Amino acid sequence: MPLGTAIHNIEITLGKGGQLARAAGAVAKLIAKEVGQVGNVGVNQKSLGRAGSKCWLGKRPVVRGVVMNPVDHPHGGGEGRAPIGRKKTHNPLGLSCAWKRSRKRKKYSDSFILRRRK
């Protein structure tokens, strides 16, 4: 596109639909073509070092269900270091997730699923 082109109905996020210059007669002009880069790229590679640093960011500790008591999680309980407390695996709500589907049949987000995983 040449510089100075008048553009109408611009998408910010791909596939979300137009969000800028949508009204009747509203126009945006292309004044420059620049390629930028997001700053602080290596933030995910940095090691926080200790639990306190993570706590300052507001991240709560992650506790496995196996180490809880049966009252707290379906995988909890057992003698010693038991695999899971109950005979079959259960999700945190206590519903069995072994050999059967636990998803609701008429879930609102069904229309967003294009293809099921195999």
N, C-alpha and C. Protein backbone atom coordinates (compact mmCIF):
# COMPACT_ATOMS: atom_id res chain seq x y z
N MET A 1 0.84 -1.18 0.00
CA MET A 1 0.00 0.00 0.00
C MET A 1 0.88 1.24 0.00
N PRO A 2 0.60 2.20 -0.82
CA PRO A 2 1.41 3.42 -0.82
C PRO A 2 1.11 4.31 0.38
N LEU A 3 2.11 5.09 0.79
CA LEU A 3 1.91 6.01 1.91
C LEU A 3 0.87 7.07 1.55
N GLY A 4 0.09 7.49 2.56
CA GLY A 4 -0.95 8.48 2.33
C GLY A 4 -2.28 7.89 1.91
N THR A 5 -2.38 6.55 1.86
CA THR A 5 -3.63 5.91 1.47
C THR A 5 -4.67 6.07 2.57
N ALA A 6 -5.91 6.35 2.21
CA ALA A 6 -7.01 6.45 3.17
C ALA A 6 -7.55 5.04 3.43
N ILE A 7 -7.64 4.68 4.71
CA ILE A 7 -8.07 3.34 5.09
C ILE A 7 -9.30 3.46 5.97
N HIS A 8 -10.22 2.51 5.82
CA HIS A 8 -11.46 2.51 6.57
C HIS A 8 -11.64 1.13 7.23
N ASN A 9 -12.20 1.10 8.43
CA ASN A 9 -12.54 -0.16 9.12
C ASN A 9 -11.30 -1.02 9.35
N ILE A 10 -10.44 -0.62 10.29
CA ILE A 10 -9.14 -1.29 10.52
C ILE A 10 -9.26 -2.28 11.67
N GLU A 11 -8.71 -3.47 11.45
CA GLU A 11 -8.64 -4.48 12.51
C GLU A 11 -7.38 -4.27 13.33
N ILE A 12 -7.49 -4.39 14.65
CA ILE A 12 -6.30 -4.35 15.51
C ILE A 12 -5.79 -5.77 15.68
N THR A 13 -6.67 -6.69 16.04
CA THR A 13 -6.33 -8.10 16.16
C THR A 13 -6.88 -8.84 14.95
N LEU A 14 -6.08 -9.72 14.37
CA LEU A 14 -6.46 -10.43 13.16
C LEU A 14 -7.69 -11.31 13.40
N GLY A 15 -8.70 -11.13 12.58
CA GLY A 15 -9.90 -11.94 12.67
C GLY A 15 -10.94 -11.44 13.64
N LYS A 16 -10.67 -10.36 14.38
CA LYS A 16 -11.61 -9.87 15.38
C LYS A 16 -12.64 -8.92 14.77
N GLY A 17 -12.34 -8.38 13.62
CA GLY A 17 -13.25 -7.43 13.00
C GLY A 17 -12.73 -6.01 13.18
N GLY A 18 -13.26 -5.11 12.36
CA GLY A 18 -12.80 -3.72 12.37
C GLY A 18 -13.10 -3.02 13.68
N GLN A 19 -12.14 -2.21 14.15
CA GLN A 19 -12.32 -1.47 15.40
C GLN A 19 -11.97 0.01 15.25
N LEU A 20 -11.17 0.37 14.26
CA LEU A 20 -10.77 1.76 14.08
C LEU A 20 -11.37 2.32 12.79
N ALA A 21 -11.74 3.59 12.82
CA ALA A 21 -12.26 4.31 11.65
C ALA A 21 -13.44 3.57 11.03
N ARG A 22 -14.50 3.35 11.81
CA ARG A 22 -15.65 2.60 11.32
C ARG A 22 -16.84 3.48 10.97
N ALA A 23 -16.90 4.66 11.53
CA ALA A 23 -18.08 5.50 11.32
C ALA A 23 -18.12 6.03 9.89
N ALA A 24 -19.30 6.52 9.51
CA ALA A 24 -19.47 7.05 8.16
C ALA A 24 -18.58 8.27 7.98
N GLY A 25 -17.74 8.24 6.97
CA GLY A 25 -16.84 9.37 6.69
C GLY A 25 -15.54 9.35 7.46
N ALA A 26 -15.39 8.43 8.43
CA ALA A 26 -14.15 8.36 9.21
C ALA A 26 -13.08 7.66 8.39
N VAL A 27 -11.88 8.24 8.39
CA VAL A 27 -10.79 7.71 7.57
C VAL A 27 -9.50 7.77 8.36
N ALA A 28 -8.65 6.75 8.21
CA ALA A 28 -7.31 6.75 8.79
C ALA A 28 -6.32 6.80 7.63
N LYS A 29 -5.23 7.56 7.80
CA LYS A 29 -4.23 7.68 6.73
C LYS A 29 -2.99 6.89 7.09
N LEU A 30 -2.43 6.21 6.12
CA LEU A 30 -1.19 5.48 6.30
C LEU A 30 -0.04 6.46 6.15
N ILE A 31 0.64 6.76 7.29
CA ILE A 31 1.70 7.78 7.23
C ILE A 31 3.10 7.18 7.26
N ALA A 32 3.26 5.94 7.75
CA ALA A 32 4.60 5.34 7.80
C ALA A 32 4.48 3.83 7.82
N LYS A 33 5.52 3.18 7.30
CA LYS A 33 5.62 1.72 7.37
C LYS A 33 6.86 1.40 8.18
N GLU A 34 6.66 0.97 9.44
CA GLU A 34 7.80 0.67 10.30
C GLU A 34 7.59 -0.70 10.93
N VAL A 35 8.67 -1.39 11.13
CA VAL A 35 8.61 -2.69 11.80
C VAL A 35 9.25 -2.52 13.16
N GLY A 36 8.47 -2.73 14.18
CA GLY A 36 8.97 -2.58 15.54
C GLY A 36 9.15 -3.93 16.21
N GLN A 37 9.66 -3.89 17.43
CA GLN A 37 9.84 -5.12 18.21
C GLN A 37 9.40 -4.84 19.63
N VAL A 38 8.73 -5.80 20.22
CA VAL A 38 8.26 -5.67 21.59
C VAL A 38 9.46 -5.68 22.53
N GLY A 39 9.45 -4.79 23.50
CA GLY A 39 10.56 -4.73 24.45
C GLY A 39 10.47 -5.82 25.51
N ASN A 40 11.55 -5.98 26.25
CA ASN A 40 11.64 -6.94 27.37
C ASN A 40 11.31 -8.35 26.89
N VAL A 41 11.98 -8.78 25.84
CA VAL A 41 11.68 -10.06 25.22
C VAL A 41 12.05 -11.24 26.12
N GLY A 42 13.14 -11.15 26.83
CA GLY A 42 13.62 -12.29 27.62
C GLY A 42 13.05 -12.37 29.02
N VAL A 43 11.87 -11.80 29.26
CA VAL A 43 11.31 -11.81 30.61
C VAL A 43 10.93 -13.22 31.05
N ASN A 44 10.55 -14.09 30.10
CA ASN A 44 10.16 -15.45 30.46
C ASN A 44 11.36 -16.34 30.77
N GLN A 45 12.53 -15.99 30.26
CA GLN A 45 13.72 -16.81 30.48
C GLN A 45 14.39 -16.51 31.82
N LYS A 46 14.03 -15.40 32.46
CA LYS A 46 14.69 -15.00 33.70
C LYS A 46 14.21 -15.87 34.85
N SER A 47 15.13 -16.41 35.64
CA SER A 47 14.78 -17.21 36.80
C SER A 47 14.47 -16.29 37.98
N LEU A 48 13.35 -16.54 38.65
CA LEU A 48 12.96 -15.69 39.78
C LEU A 48 13.81 -15.98 41.02
N GLY A 49 14.35 -17.18 41.11
CA GLY A 49 15.31 -17.47 42.16
C GLY A 49 14.74 -18.08 43.42
N ARG A 50 13.62 -17.56 43.90
CA ARG A 50 13.07 -18.08 45.16
C ARG A 50 11.56 -17.84 45.19
N ALA A 51 10.92 -18.42 46.18
CA ALA A 51 9.47 -18.34 46.26
C ALA A 51 8.98 -16.92 46.53
N GLY A 52 9.76 -16.15 47.28
CA GLY A 52 9.35 -14.79 47.62
C GLY A 52 9.22 -13.90 46.40
N SER A 53 10.12 -14.07 45.44
CA SER A 53 10.07 -13.25 44.23
C SER A 53 8.80 -13.53 43.45
N LYS A 54 8.37 -14.78 43.44
CA LYS A 54 7.14 -15.15 42.76
C LYS A 54 5.94 -14.60 43.52
N CYS A 55 6.04 -14.58 44.84
CA CYS A 55 4.96 -14.08 45.69
C CYS A 55 4.72 -12.60 45.45
N TRP A 56 5.77 -11.84 45.21
CA TRP A 56 5.64 -10.40 44.95
C TRP A 56 4.87 -10.14 43.67
N LEU A 57 4.95 -11.09 42.72
CA LEU A 57 4.22 -10.95 41.46
C LEU A 57 2.76 -11.37 41.59
N GLY A 58 2.37 -11.86 42.78
CA GLY A 58 0.99 -12.27 43.01
C GLY A 58 0.69 -13.69 42.58
N LYS A 59 1.74 -14.51 42.37
CA LYS A 59 1.53 -15.89 41.96
C LYS A 59 1.44 -16.78 43.19
N ARG A 60 0.34 -17.49 43.33
CA ARG A 60 0.12 -18.36 44.47
C ARG A 60 0.84 -19.69 44.27
N PRO A 61 1.21 -20.38 45.36
CA PRO A 61 1.86 -21.68 45.21
C PRO A 61 0.92 -22.72 44.61
N VAL A 62 1.49 -23.64 43.80
CA VAL A 62 0.71 -24.71 43.18
C VAL A 62 0.93 -25.98 43.99
N VAL A 63 -0.15 -26.51 44.55
CA VAL A 63 -0.06 -27.71 45.39
C VAL A 63 -0.73 -28.86 44.65
N ARG A 64 -0.04 -30.00 44.57
CA ARG A 64 -0.59 -31.17 43.89
C ARG A 64 -1.72 -31.79 44.71
N GLY A 65 -2.70 -32.34 44.01
CA GLY A 65 -3.83 -32.98 44.69
C GLY A 65 -3.42 -34.23 45.44
N VAL A 66 -2.35 -34.90 44.99
CA VAL A 66 -1.91 -36.16 45.62
C VAL A 66 -1.44 -35.94 47.05
N VAL A 67 -0.89 -34.76 47.33
CA VAL A 67 -0.36 -34.52 48.67
C VAL A 67 -1.40 -33.95 49.63
N MET A 68 -2.63 -33.76 49.15
CA MET A 68 -3.70 -33.25 50.01
C MET A 68 -4.42 -34.39 50.73
N ASN A 69 -5.35 -34.02 51.57
CA ASN A 69 -6.20 -34.99 52.23
C ASN A 69 -7.42 -35.26 51.35
N PRO A 70 -8.13 -36.37 51.58
CA PRO A 70 -9.28 -36.68 50.74
C PRO A 70 -10.37 -35.61 50.80
N VAL A 71 -10.45 -34.90 51.91
CA VAL A 71 -11.48 -33.86 52.03
C VAL A 71 -11.17 -32.65 51.13
N ASP A 72 -9.88 -32.48 50.80
CA ASP A 72 -9.48 -31.33 50.00
C ASP A 72 -9.46 -31.61 48.51
N HIS A 73 -9.18 -32.86 48.12
CA HIS A 73 -9.03 -33.19 46.70
C HIS A 73 -9.30 -34.67 46.50
N PRO A 74 -9.94 -35.05 45.40
CA PRO A 74 -10.23 -36.48 45.18
C PRO A 74 -9.00 -37.36 45.08
N HIS A 75 -7.82 -36.81 44.72
CA HIS A 75 -6.60 -37.60 44.62
C HIS A 75 -5.90 -37.75 45.97
N GLY A 76 -6.37 -37.07 46.99
CA GLY A 76 -5.67 -37.06 48.27
C GLY A 76 -5.91 -38.31 49.09
N GLY A 77 -5.14 -38.45 50.17
CA GLY A 77 -5.31 -39.55 51.10
C GLY A 77 -4.46 -40.75 50.76
N GLY A 78 -4.68 -41.82 51.50
CA GLY A 78 -3.92 -43.05 51.30
C GLY A 78 -2.82 -43.17 52.33
N GLU A 79 -2.23 -44.35 52.41
CA GLU A 79 -1.16 -44.61 53.36
C GLU A 79 0.18 -44.34 52.71
N GLY A 80 1.01 -43.57 53.36
CA GLY A 80 2.33 -43.27 52.82
C GLY A 80 2.24 -42.44 51.56
N ARG A 81 3.08 -42.78 50.59
CA ARG A 81 3.08 -42.04 49.34
C ARG A 81 2.24 -42.80 48.31
N ALA A 82 0.94 -42.75 48.50
CA ALA A 82 0.02 -43.48 47.63
C ALA A 82 -0.16 -42.75 46.31
N PRO A 83 -0.45 -43.50 45.22
CA PRO A 83 -0.61 -42.84 43.92
C PRO A 83 -1.78 -41.86 43.90
N ILE A 84 -3.01 -42.35 44.09
CA ILE A 84 -4.16 -41.47 44.28
C ILE A 84 -5.05 -42.11 45.32
N GLY A 85 -5.84 -41.32 46.00
CA GLY A 85 -6.63 -41.84 47.12
C GLY A 85 -7.75 -42.75 46.69
N ARG A 86 -8.39 -42.45 45.56
CA ARG A 86 -9.52 -43.25 45.12
C ARG A 86 -9.08 -44.23 44.03
N LYS A 87 -9.97 -45.19 43.71
CA LYS A 87 -9.59 -46.23 42.77
C LYS A 87 -9.39 -45.68 41.36
N LYS A 88 -10.27 -44.77 40.93
CA LYS A 88 -10.16 -44.18 39.60
C LYS A 88 -9.77 -42.72 39.74
N THR A 89 -9.28 -42.15 38.66
CA THR A 89 -8.93 -40.74 38.70
C THR A 89 -10.19 -39.89 38.70
N HIS A 90 -10.14 -38.79 39.42
CA HIS A 90 -11.25 -37.86 39.51
C HIS A 90 -10.73 -36.45 39.30
N ASN A 91 -11.58 -35.58 38.82
CA ASN A 91 -11.19 -34.18 38.70
C ASN A 91 -11.44 -33.47 40.03
N PRO A 92 -11.01 -32.22 40.19
CA PRO A 92 -11.17 -31.54 41.48
C PRO A 92 -12.62 -31.44 41.96
N LEU A 93 -13.60 -31.58 41.07
CA LEU A 93 -15.00 -31.53 41.50
C LEU A 93 -15.48 -32.87 42.05
N GLY A 94 -14.66 -33.90 41.91
CA GLY A 94 -15.03 -35.22 42.41
C GLY A 94 -15.68 -36.10 41.36
N LEU A 95 -15.78 -35.62 40.11
CA LEU A 95 -16.38 -36.42 39.05
C LEU A 95 -15.33 -37.34 38.45
N SER A 96 -15.73 -38.56 38.12
CA SER A 96 -14.79 -39.51 37.55
C SER A 96 -14.39 -39.07 36.15
N CYS A 97 -13.09 -39.13 35.86
CA CYS A 97 -12.63 -38.75 34.53
C CYS A 97 -11.90 -39.92 33.88
N ALA A 98 -12.22 -41.14 34.32
CA ALA A 98 -11.61 -42.32 33.73
C ALA A 98 -12.59 -43.00 32.80
N TRP A 99 -12.22 -43.13 31.56
CA TRP A 99 -12.97 -43.86 30.55
C TRP A 99 -14.33 -43.26 30.20
N LYS A 100 -14.60 -42.04 30.57
CA LYS A 100 -15.86 -41.45 30.14
C LYS A 100 -15.69 -39.95 30.02
N ARG A 101 -16.50 -39.33 29.18
CA ARG A 101 -16.41 -37.91 28.94
C ARG A 101 -17.10 -37.16 30.07
N SER A 102 -16.48 -36.07 30.51
CA SER A 102 -17.06 -35.29 31.61
C SER A 102 -17.54 -33.93 31.14
N ARG A 103 -17.43 -33.65 29.82
CA ARG A 103 -17.87 -32.35 29.30
C ARG A 103 -19.38 -32.34 29.14
N LYS A 104 -20.01 -31.19 29.46
CA LYS A 104 -21.45 -31.07 29.31
C LYS A 104 -21.83 -31.10 27.84
N ARG A 105 -22.98 -31.67 27.53
CA ARG A 105 -23.39 -31.84 26.14
C ARG A 105 -23.76 -30.53 25.48
N LYS A 106 -24.38 -29.62 26.23
CA LYS A 106 -24.84 -28.36 25.66
C LYS A 106 -24.06 -27.19 26.23
N LYS A 107 -22.73 -27.27 26.19
CA LYS A 107 -21.89 -26.19 26.72
C LYS A 107 -21.92 -25.01 25.76
N TYR A 108 -21.87 -23.80 26.32
CA TYR A 108 -22.02 -22.58 25.50
C TYR A 108 -20.89 -22.43 24.49
N SER A 109 -19.70 -22.96 24.79
CA SER A 109 -18.56 -22.76 23.91
C SER A 109 -18.45 -23.83 22.83
N ASP A 110 -19.47 -24.68 22.67
CA ASP A 110 -19.43 -25.71 21.64
C ASP A 110 -19.31 -25.11 20.24
N SER A 111 -19.93 -23.95 20.05
CA SER A 111 -19.92 -23.34 18.72
C SER A 111 -18.53 -22.83 18.34
N PHE A 112 -17.63 -22.64 19.34
CA PHE A 112 -16.29 -22.15 19.06
C PHE A 112 -15.33 -23.26 18.69
N ILE A 113 -15.69 -24.52 18.93
CA ILE A 113 -14.80 -25.65 18.65
C ILE A 113 -14.94 -26.02 17.18
N LEU A 114 -13.85 -25.86 16.44
CA LEU A 114 -13.87 -26.14 15.01
C LEU A 114 -13.62 -27.63 14.74
N ARG A 115 -12.68 -28.23 15.48
CA ARG A 115 -12.31 -29.60 15.23
C ARG A 115 -11.88 -30.22 16.55
N ARG A 116 -12.38 -31.44 16.83
CA ARG A 116 -12.04 -32.12 18.07
C ARG A 116 -10.65 -32.70 18.01
N ARG A 117 -9.95 -32.75 19.14
CA ARG A 117 -8.65 -33.42 19.18
C ARG A 117 -8.84 -34.91 19.05
N LYS A 118 -7.82 -35.60 18.52
CA LYS A 118 -7.95 -37.04 18.35
C LYS A 118 -7.13 -37.76 19.38
